[in-house]
Amino acid sequence: MSDDSKPNNQYEVRSLARGLRILEIVAEASEPPRLTDIARVLGVDRATAFRYCTTLSKLGYLHVAPPTKAYSLGSQVRSLGFAAQAQWSWLAVVAKHLPVVAELYGGAASFGVLDGDEILYLDRAVADQALNQNITAGDRFPVAHTSIGKVLLANLQDAEVRGLLKRQLTLPEVNALLKELAEVRETGFAYNLGGTHPGLHSVAVSVRDKESGAVLGGLNVAGSASEMPLKRLCDEIGPDLMKTAEMIVANESPQR
């Protein structure tokens, strides 16, 4: 077995992981990277990077511009993106509801999914630009510090939560969060009081597939602490968001 294919653990294929990492490097670059840029970020020599990039280019996942030799994502990546979007057709329903939720509470409404120990934001609508905070679709935040993260963690077993958060939190912090998650499982919603931004409160609920019950992601709304005190989050907004989540999975249009 060559060094490129030696797994870091029993199930990991390093060459596959490196190939996917190259796609991430190209996607995240502010301008199309060249081979030397990719090799440097990947931590390999030019020859190794060239083999990976050539393979990805032949498969349609990368495109290299002849004049500059710079790389961009290929047509096959776009095809996969369209296929994923088709499978996630319910996201279009989410997109209809977010502006309504944001406007109703005069804040910002977001939808995100759990990705490792982070929350990946897939969509967002803002009614009050003062709450924009430059958060957009594709942004990530540590899972333990967001209301969406907490409500999605509540769907996991405690042992899974401990494993995910061992790098983010101390043991006492994890234990405190587990107590909070037990409450989330009872109420159906999670709140965050200034955990990511001082003076900002938010509440989130899980969105579940109507047939299987599988968790699709988390829906939240955030606003100023003065407009969204804890009592209002628990008594009004949290229960209302749960109804909105039910409307999303039922493919119902938002009520303005």
C-alpha atoms as a PDB file:
ATOM      1  CA  MET A   1       0.000   0.000   0.000  1.00  0.00           C
ATOM      2  CA  SER A   2       1.439   3.378  -0.996  1.00  0.00           C
ATOM      3  CA  ASP A   3       1.790   6.198   1.499  1.00  0.00           C
ATOM      4  CA  ASP A   4      -1.036   8.107  -0.231  1.00  0.00           C
ATOM      5  CA  SER A   5      -3.499   5.337   0.467  1.00  0.00           C
ATOM      6  CA  LYS A   6      -2.531   4.514   4.041  1.00  0.00           C
ATOM      7  CA  PRO A   7      -5.536   5.190   6.263  1.00  0.00           C
ATOM      8  CA  ASN A   8      -5.242   7.303   9.393  1.00  0.00           C
ATOM      9  CA  ASN A   9      -7.553   4.820  11.055  1.00  0.00           C
ATOM     10  CA  GLN A  10      -9.172   1.546  10.148  1.00  0.00           C
ATOM     11  CA  TYR A  11     -11.730   3.030   7.764  1.00  0.00           C
ATOM     12  CA  GLU A  12     -10.228   6.242   6.377  1.00  0.00           C
ATOM     13  CA  VAL A  13      -8.770   6.361   2.861  1.00  0.00           C
ATOM     14  CA  ARG A  14      -6.241   9.190   2.892  1.00  0.00           C
ATOM     15  CA  SER A  15      -6.130   9.653  -0.883  1.00  0.00           C
ATOM     16  CA  LEU A  16      -9.905  10.131  -1.020  1.00  0.00           C
ATOM     17  CA  ALA A  17      -9.780  12.560   1.887  1.00  0.00           C
ATOM     18  CA  ARG A  18      -7.051  14.552   0.153  1.00  0.00           C
ATOM     19  CA  GLY A  19      -8.997  14.693  -3.089  1.00  0.00           C
ATOM     20  CA  LEU A  20     -12.057  16.035  -1.307  1.00  0.00           C
ATOM     21  CA  ARG A  21      -9.894  18.496   0.608  1.00  0.00           C
ATOM     22  CA  ILE A  22      -8.615  19.875  -2.706  1.00  0.00           C
ATOM     23  CA  LEU A  23     -12.195  20.585  -3.759  1.00  0.00           C
ATOM     24  CA  GLU A  24     -12.695  22.455  -0.482  1.00  0.00           C
ATOM     25  CA  ILE A  25      -9.498  24.448  -1.016  1.00  0.00           C
ATOM     26  CA  VAL A  26     -10.614  25.516  -4.481  1.00  0.00           C
ATOM     27  CA  ALA A  27     -14.147  26.320  -3.301  1.00  0.00           C
ATOM     28  CA  GLU A  28     -12.935  28.417  -0.355  1.00  0.00           C
ATOM     29  CA  ALA A  29     -10.240  30.350  -2.234  1.00  0.00           C
ATOM     30  CA  SER A  30     -10.846  34.072  -2.775  1.00  0.00           C
ATOM     31  CA  GLU A  31      -9.420  33.659  -6.289  1.00  0.00           C
ATOM     32  CA  PRO A  32      -8.698  30.526  -8.358  1.00  0.00           C
ATOM     33  CA  PRO A  33      -5.629  28.856  -6.806  1.00  0.00           C
ATOM     34  CA  ARG A  34      -2.685  27.519  -8.756  1.00  0.00           C
ATOM     35  CA  LEU A  35      -0.972  24.194  -8.201  1.00  0.00           C
ATOM     36  CA  THR A  36       1.597  25.651  -5.797  1.00  0.00           C
ATOM     37  CA  ASP A  37      -1.204  27.153  -3.682  1.00  0.00           C
ATOM     38  CA  ILE A  38      -3.046  23.841  -3.482  1.00  0.00           C
ATOM     39  CA  ALA A  39       0.131  21.920  -2.625  1.00  0.00           C
ATOM     40  CA  ARG A  40       0.994  24.389   0.138  1.00  0.00           C
ATOM     41  CA  VAL A  41      -2.436  24.281   1.801  1.00  0.00           C
ATOM     42  CA  LEU A  42      -2.693  20.508   1.395  1.00  0.00           C
ATOM     43  CA  GLY A  43       0.798  20.026   2.831  1.00  0.00           C
ATOM     44  CA  VAL A  44       2.186  17.944  -0.044  1.00  0.00           C
ATOM     45  CA  ASP A  45       4.763  18.459  -2.794  1.00  0.00           C
ATOM     46  CA  ARG A  46       3.846  19.765  -6.254  1.00  0.00           C
ATOM     47  CA  ALA A  47       4.104  16.340  -7.884  1.00  0.00           C
ATOM     48  CA  THR A  48       1.605  14.810  -5.469  1.00  0.00           C
ATOM     49  CA  ALA A  49      -0.766  17.755  -5.808  1.00  0.00           C
ATOM     50  CA  PHE A  50      -0.477  17.518  -9.595  1.00  0.00           C
ATOM     51  CA  ARG A  51      -1.569  13.865  -9.581  1.00  0.00           C
ATOM     52  CA  TYR A  52      -4.623  14.649  -7.479  1.00  0.00           C
ATOM     53  CA  CYS A  53      -5.594  17.701  -9.520  1.00  0.00           C
ATOM     54  CA  THR A  54      -5.107  15.885 -12.826  1.00  0.00           C
ATOM     55  CA  THR A  55      -7.363  13.049 -11.673  1.00  0.00           C
ATOM     56  CA  LEU A  56     -10.048  15.445 -10.449  1.00  0.00           C
ATOM     57  CA  SER A  57      -9.837  17.409 -13.700  1.00  0.00           C
ATOM     58  CA  LYS A  58     -10.246  14.293 -15.852  1.00  0.00           C
ATOM     59  CA  LEU A  59     -13.313  13.332 -13.808  1.00  0.00           C
ATOM     60  CA  GLY A  60     -14.827  16.790 -14.272  1.00  0.00           C
ATOM     61  CA  TYR A  61     -14.520  17.949 -10.665  1.00  0.00           C
ATOM     62  CA  LEU A  62     -11.865  20.569 -11.431  1.00  0.00           C
ATOM     63  CA  HIS A  63     -11.267  22.893 -14.357  1.00  0.00           C
ATOM     64  CA  VAL A  64      -7.851  24.351 -15.106  1.00  0.00           C
ATOM     65  CA  ALA A  65      -7.597  27.589 -17.089  1.00  0.00           C
ATOM     66  CA  PRO A  66      -4.865  27.144 -19.757  1.00  0.00           C
ATOM     67  CA  PRO A  67      -3.443  30.697 -19.627  1.00  0.00           C
ATOM     68  CA  THR A  68      -3.035  30.931 -15.855  1.00  0.00           C
ATOM     69  CA  LYS A  69      -3.000  27.253 -14.845  1.00  0.00           C
ATOM     70  CA  ALA A  70      -5.405  28.235 -12.061  1.00  0.00           C
ATOM     71  CA  TYR A  71      -8.050  25.809 -10.848  1.00  0.00           C
ATOM     72  CA  SER A  72     -11.789  26.267 -10.400  1.00  0.00           C
ATOM     73  CA  LEU A  73     -14.586  23.837  -9.623  1.00  0.00           C
ATOM     74  CA  GLY A  74     -15.677  21.748 -12.592  1.00  0.00           C
ATOM     75  CA  SER A  75     -19.072  20.992 -14.059  1.00  0.00           C
ATOM     76  CA  GLN A  76     -19.374  17.710 -12.170  1.00  0.00           C
ATOM     77  CA  VAL A  77     -19.403  19.600  -8.869  1.00  0.00           C
ATOM     78  CA  ARG A  78     -22.281  21.736 -10.130  1.00  0.00           C
ATOM     79  CA  SER A  79     -24.132  18.594 -11.212  1.00  0.00           C
ATOM     80  CA  LEU A  80     -23.772  17.152  -7.727  1.00  0.00           C
ATOM     81  CA  GLY A  81     -24.960  20.445  -6.276  1.00  0.00           C
ATOM     82  CA  PHE A  82     -28.098  20.405  -8.405  1.00  0.00           C
ATOM     83  CA  ALA A  83     -28.744  16.779  -7.456  1.00  0.00           C
ATOM     84  CA  ALA A  84     -28.371  17.577  -3.759  1.00  0.00           C
ATOM     85  CA  GLN A  85     -30.676  20.562  -4.127  1.00  0.00           C
ATOM     86  CA  ALA A  86     -33.307  18.345  -5.745  1.00  0.00           C
ATOM     87  CA  GLN A  87     -33.080  15.867  -2.873  1.00  0.00           C
ATOM     88  CA  TRP A  88     -33.434  18.734  -0.405  1.00  0.00           C
ATOM     89  CA  SER A  89     -36.525  20.195  -2.064  1.00  0.00           C
ATOM     90  CA  TRP A  90     -37.945  21.032   1.360  1.00  0.00           C
ATOM     91  CA  LEU A  91     -35.304  23.771   1.610  1.00  0.00           C
ATOM     92  CA  ALA A  92     -37.404  25.770  -0.837  1.00  0.00           C
ATOM     93  CA  VAL A  93     -40.248  25.625   1.680  1.00  0.00           C
ATOM     94  CA  VAL A  94     -37.875  26.757   4.434  1.00  0.00           C
ATOM     95  CA  ALA A  95     -36.830  29.696   2.262  1.00  0.00           C
ATOM     96  CA  LYS A  96     -40.451  30.842   2.054  1.00  0.00           C
ATOM     97  CA  HIS A  97     -40.913  30.762   5.820  1.00  0.00           C
ATOM     98  CA  LEU A  98     -37.694  32.450   6.956  1.00  0.00           C
ATOM     99  CA  PRO A  99     -38.561  36.008   5.807  1.00  0.00           C
ATOM    100  CA  VAL A 100     -42.002  35.719   7.388  1.00  0.00           C
ATOM    101  CA  VAL A 101     -40.562  34.563  10.717  1.00  0.00           C
ATOM    102  CA  ALA A 102     -37.906  37.288  10.649  1.00  0.00           C
ATOM    103  CA  GLU A 103     -40.477  39.986   9.902  1.00  0.00           C
ATOM    104  CA  LEU A 104     -42.945  38.700  12.485  1.00  0.00           C
ATOM    105  CA  TYR A 105     -40.430  39.084  15.311  1.00  0.00           C
ATOM    106  CA  GLY A 106     -38.388  41.910  13.836  1.00  0.00           C
ATOM    107  CA  GLY A 107     -35.209  39.871  13.932  1.00  0.00           C
ATOM    108  CA  ALA A 108     -33.214  37.330  11.948  1.00  0.00           C
ATOM    109  CA  ALA A 109     -34.387  33.813  11.093  1.00  0.00           C
ATOM    110  CA  SER A 110     -31.970  31.040  10.141  1.00  0.00           C
ATOM    111  CA  PHE A 111     -31.923  27.390   9.177  1.00  0.00           C
ATOM    112  CA  GLY A 112     -28.908  25.188   9.817  1.00  0.00           C
ATOM    113  CA  VAL A 113     -27.748  21.598  10.051  1.00  0.00           C
ATOM    114  CA  LEU A 114     -25.315  19.729  12.258  1.00  0.00           C
ATOM    115  CA  ASP A 115     -21.986  19.100  10.530  1.00  0.00           C
ATOM    116  CA  GLY A 116     -19.535  17.447  12.897  1.00  0.00           C
ATOM    117  CA  ASP A 117     -19.052  19.752  15.864  1.00  0.00           C
ATOM    118  CA  GLU A 118     -20.306  22.782  13.939  1.00  0.00           C
ATOM    119  CA  ILE A 119     -23.568  24.247  12.738  1.00  0.00           C
ATOM    120  CA  LEU A 120     -23.673  24.929   9.013  1.00  0.00           C
ATOM    121  CA  TYR A 121     -26.090  27.693   8.056  1.00  0.00           C
ATOM    122  CA  LEU A 122     -28.030  26.838   4.894  1.00  0.00           C
ATOM    123  CA  ASP A 123     -30.350  29.842   4.683  1.00  0.00           C
ATOM    124  CA  ARG A 124     -31.072  33.082   6.512  1.00  0.00           C
ATOM    125  CA  ALA A 125     -33.454  36.040   6.367  1.00  0.00           C
ATOM    126  CA  VAL A 126     -33.027  39.335   8.209  1.00  0.00           C
ATOM    127  CA  ALA A 127     -35.768  41.860   8.953  1.00  0.00           C
ATOM    128  CA  ASP A 128     -33.605  44.159  11.083  1.00  0.00           C
ATOM    129  CA  GLN A 129     -30.236  44.886   9.444  1.00  0.00           C
ATOM    130  CA  ALA A 130     -28.819  45.773  12.850  1.00  0.00           C
ATOM    131  CA  LEU A 131     -28.964  42.027  13.536  1.00  0.00           C
ATOM    132  CA  ASN A 132     -27.331  40.986  10.274  1.00  0.00           C
ATOM    133  CA  GLN A 133     -23.872  40.326  11.820  1.00  0.00           C
ATOM    134  CA  ASN A 134     -22.582  39.343   8.365  1.00  0.00           C
ATOM    135  CA  ILE A 135     -23.879  35.793   8.826  1.00  0.00           C
ATOM    136  CA  THR A 136     -24.730  34.156   5.506  1.00  0.00           C
ATOM    137  CA  ALA A 137     -25.519  30.730   4.103  1.00  0.00           C
ATOM    138  CA  GLY A 138     -22.403  28.578   4.291  1.00  0.00           C
ATOM    139  CA  ASP A 139     -21.141  30.086   7.542  1.00  0.00           C
ATOM    140  CA  ARG A 140     -20.273  27.807  10.444  1.00  0.00           C
ATOM    141  CA  PHE A 141     -20.371  28.195  14.215  1.00  0.00           C
ATOM    142  CA  PRO A 142     -19.383  25.935  17.121  1.00  0.00           C
ATOM    143  CA  VAL A 143     -22.389  23.764  17.850  1.00  0.00           C
ATOM    144  CA  ALA A 144     -22.460  24.345  21.609  1.00  0.00           C
ATOM    145  CA  HIS A 145     -22.802  28.109  21.333  1.00  0.00           C
ATOM    146  CA  THR A 146     -25.926  28.457  19.181  1.00  0.00           C
ATOM    147  CA  SER A 147     -29.589  27.754  19.802  1.00  0.00           C
ATOM    148  CA  ILE A 148     -29.740  25.697  16.588  1.00  0.00           C
ATOM    149  CA  GLY A 149     -26.768  23.694  17.796  1.00  0.00           C
ATOM    150  CA  LYS A 150     -28.364  22.993  21.153  1.00  0.00           C
ATOM    151  CA  VAL A 151     -31.692  21.878  19.720  1.00  0.00           C
ATOM    152  CA  LEU A 152     -29.934  19.526  17.302  1.00  0.00           C
ATOM    153  CA  LEU A 153     -27.637  18.162  20.008  1.00  0.00           C
ATOM    154  CA  ALA A 154     -30.747  17.340  22.019  1.00  0.00           C
ATOM    155  CA  ASN A 155     -31.603  14.749  19.365  1.00  0.00           C
ATOM    156  CA  LEU A 156     -28.399  12.835  20.134  1.00  0.00           C
ATOM    157  CA  GLN A 157     -27.506  10.495  22.958  1.00  0.00           C
ATOM    158  CA  ASP A 158     -25.463  12.003  25.790  1.00  0.00           C
ATOM    159  CA  ALA A 159     -22.455   9.865  24.855  1.00  0.00           C
ATOM    160  CA  GLU A 160     -22.548  11.249  21.308  1.00  0.00           C
ATOM    161  CA  VAL A 161     -22.742  14.795  22.647  1.00  0.00           C
ATOM    162  CA  ARG A 162     -19.723  14.215  24.880  1.00  0.00           C
ATOM    163  CA  GLY A 163     -17.746  12.894  21.924  1.00  0.00           C
ATOM    164  CA  LEU A 164     -18.627  15.874  19.728  1.00  0.00           C
ATOM    165  CA  LEU A 165     -17.871  18.511  22.336  1.00  0.00           C
ATOM    166  CA  LYS A 166     -14.674  17.194  23.892  1.00  0.00           C
ATOM    167  CA  ARG A 167     -12.658  19.790  21.959  1.00  0.00           C
ATOM    168  CA  GLN A 168     -15.054  22.697  22.459  1.00  0.00           C
ATOM    169  CA  LEU A 169     -15.953  22.512  26.127  1.00  0.00           C
ATOM    170  CA  THR A 170     -14.454  21.500  29.439  1.00  0.00           C
ATOM    171  CA  LEU A 171     -15.940  18.532  31.270  1.00  0.00           C
ATOM    172  CA  PRO A 172     -17.931  20.745  33.704  1.00  0.00           C
ATOM    173  CA  GLU A 173     -19.251  22.754  30.739  1.00  0.00           C
ATOM    174  CA  VAL A 174     -20.324  19.572  28.955  1.00  0.00           C
ATOM    175  CA  ASN A 175     -22.115  18.334  32.079  1.00  0.00           C
ATOM    176  CA  ALA A 176     -23.941  21.658  32.416  1.00  0.00           C
ATOM    177  CA  LEU A 177     -24.957  21.546  28.760  1.00  0.00           C
ATOM    178  CA  LEU A 178     -26.275  17.990  29.100  1.00  0.00           C
ATOM    179  CA  LYS A 179     -28.617  19.204  31.842  1.00  0.00           C
ATOM    180  CA  GLU A 180     -29.783  21.961  29.520  1.00  0.00           C
ATOM    181  CA  LEU A 181     -30.339  19.463  26.698  1.00  0.00           C
ATOM    182  CA  ALA A 182     -32.534  17.349  28.962  1.00  0.00           C
ATOM    183  CA  GLU A 183     -34.797  20.382  29.328  1.00  0.00           C
ATOM    184  CA  VAL A 184     -34.727  20.955  25.566  1.00  0.00           C
ATOM    185  CA  ARG A 185     -35.981  17.410  25.006  1.00  0.00           C
ATOM    186  CA  GLU A 186     -38.958  18.165  27.243  1.00  0.00           C
ATOM    187  CA  THR A 187     -39.902  21.575  25.832  1.00  0.00           C
ATOM    188  CA  GLY A 188     -38.994  20.985  22.185  1.00  0.00           C
ATOM    189  CA  PHE A 189     -36.977  24.184  21.831  1.00  0.00           C
ATOM    190  CA  ALA A 190     -33.587  25.568  22.867  1.00  0.00           C
ATOM    191  CA  TYR A 191     -32.606  29.134  23.615  1.00  0.00           C
ATOM    192  CA  ASN A 192     -29.345  31.016  23.617  1.00  0.00           C
ATOM    193  CA  LEU A 193     -28.856  34.151  25.692  1.00  0.00           C
ATOM    194  CA  GLY A 194     -25.942  36.129  24.311  1.00  0.00           C
ATOM    195  CA  GLY A 195     -23.770  33.062  23.820  1.00  0.00           C
ATOM    196  CA  THR A 196     -22.463  34.163  20.426  1.00  0.00           C
ATOM    197  CA  HIS A 197     -23.209  37.894  20.507  1.00  0.00           C
ATOM    198  CA  PRO A 198     -23.798  39.927  23.696  1.00  0.00           C
ATOM    199  CA  GLY A 199     -27.285  41.386  23.871  1.00  0.00           C
ATOM    200  CA  LEU A 200     -28.664  38.909  21.341  1.00  0.00           C
ATOM    201  CA  HIS A 201     -31.193  36.232  22.278  1.00  0.00           C
ATOM    202  CA  SER A 202     -32.422  33.379  20.100  1.00  0.00           C
ATOM    203  CA  VAL A 203     -34.623  30.302  20.226  1.00  0.00           C
ATOM    204  CA  ALA A 204     -34.562  27.253  17.941  1.00  0.00           C
ATOM    205  CA  VAL A 205     -36.607  24.158  17.148  1.00  0.00           C
ATOM    206  CA  SER A 206     -35.907  20.972  15.222  1.00  0.00           C
ATOM    207  CA  VAL A 207     -37.449  20.411  11.804  1.00  0.00           C
ATOM    208  CA  ARG A 208     -38.267  16.738  11.289  1.00  0.00           C
ATOM    209  CA  ASP A 209     -39.259  14.744   8.233  1.00  0.00           C
ATOM    210  CA  LYS A 210     -42.999  14.129   8.369  1.00  0.00           C
ATOM    211  CA  GLU A 211     -42.768  10.459   7.416  1.00  0.00           C
ATOM    212  CA  SER A 212     -39.578   9.173   9.031  1.00  0.00           C
ATOM    213  CA  GLY A 213     -39.195  11.633  11.888  1.00  0.00           C
ATOM    214  CA  ALA A 214     -35.557  12.150  10.895  1.00  0.00           C
ATOM    215  CA  VAL A 215     -34.106  15.518  11.865  1.00  0.00           C
ATOM    216  CA  LEU A 216     -33.661  17.716   8.787  1.00  0.00           C
ATOM    217  CA  GLY A 217     -32.135  20.663  10.616  1.00  0.00           C
ATOM    218  CA  GLY A 218     -32.829  23.467  13.045  1.00  0.00           C
ATOM    219  CA  LEU A 219     -34.887  26.640  12.643  1.00  0.00           C
ATOM    220  CA  ASN A 220     -34.240  29.669  14.820  1.00  0.00           C
ATOM    221  CA  VAL A 221     -35.101  33.316  15.231  1.00  0.00           C
ATOM    222  CA  ALA A 222     -32.835  35.845  16.929  1.00  0.00           C
ATOM    223  CA  GLY A 223     -33.398  39.354  18.189  1.00  0.00           C
ATOM    224  CA  SER A 224     -32.299  41.883  20.760  1.00  0.00           C
ATOM    225  CA  ALA A 225     -32.499  40.858  24.397  1.00  0.00           C
ATOM    226  CA  SER A 226     -34.926  43.699  25.072  1.00  0.00           C
ATOM    227  CA  GLU A 227     -37.337  42.491  22.380  1.00  0.00           C
ATOM    228  CA  MET A 228     -36.867  38.802  23.140  1.00  0.00           C
ATOM    229  CA  PRO A 229     -36.561  38.301  26.900  1.00  0.00           C
ATOM    230  CA  LEU A 230     -36.353  34.733  28.176  1.00  0.00           C
ATOM    231  CA  LYS A 231     -40.016  34.629  29.194  1.00  0.00           C
ATOM    232  CA  ARG A 232     -41.152  35.563  25.690  1.00  0.00           C
ATOM    233  CA  LEU A 233     -38.816  33.016  24.129  1.00  0.00           C
ATOM    234  CA  CYS A 234     -40.296  30.251  26.267  1.00  0.00           C
ATOM    235  CA  ASP A 235     -43.948  31.299  26.403  1.00  0.00           C
ATOM    236  CA  GLU A 236     -44.510  32.614  22.898  1.00  0.00           C
ATOM    237  CA  ILE A 237     -41.779  32.393  20.289  1.00  0.00           C
ATOM    238  CA  GLY A 238     -40.563  28.850  20.988  1.00  0.00           C
ATOM    239  CA  PRO A 239     -44.040  27.269  20.752  1.00  0.00           C
ATOM    240  CA  ASP A 240     -44.820  29.362  17.655  1.00  0.00           C
ATOM    241  CA  LEU A 241     -41.634  28.165  15.943  1.00  0.00           C
ATOM    242  CA  MET A 242     -42.642  24.571  16.619  1.00  0.00           C
ATOM    243  CA  LYS A 243     -45.843  25.217  14.662  1.00  0.00           C
ATOM    244  CA  THR A 244     -43.815  26.767  11.848  1.00  0.00           C
ATOM    245  CA  ALA A 245     -41.607  23.665  11.725  1.00  0.00           C
ATOM    246  CA  GLU A 246     -44.730  21.524  11.347  1.00  0.00           C
ATOM    247  CA  MET A 247     -45.903  23.727   8.475  1.00  0.00           C
ATOM    248  CA  ILE A 248     -42.540  23.365   6.730  1.00  0.00           C
ATOM    249  CA  VAL A 249     -42.574  19.566   6.713  1.00  0.00           C
ATOM    250  CA  ALA A 250     -46.244  19.606   5.679  1.00  0.00           C
ATOM    251  CA  ASN A 251     -45.221  21.785   2.714  1.00  0.00           C
ATOM    252  CA  GLU A 252     -47.634  24.505   3.790  1.00  0.00           C
ATOM    253  CA  SER A 253     -47.158  28.126   2.771  1.00  0.00           C
ATOM    254  CA  PRO A 254     -46.375  30.610   5.549  1.00  0.00           C
ATOM    255  CA  GLN A 255     -49.184  32.649   7.056  1.00  0.00           C
ATOM    256  CA  ARG A 256     -48.431  36.347   6.834  1.00  0.00           C
END
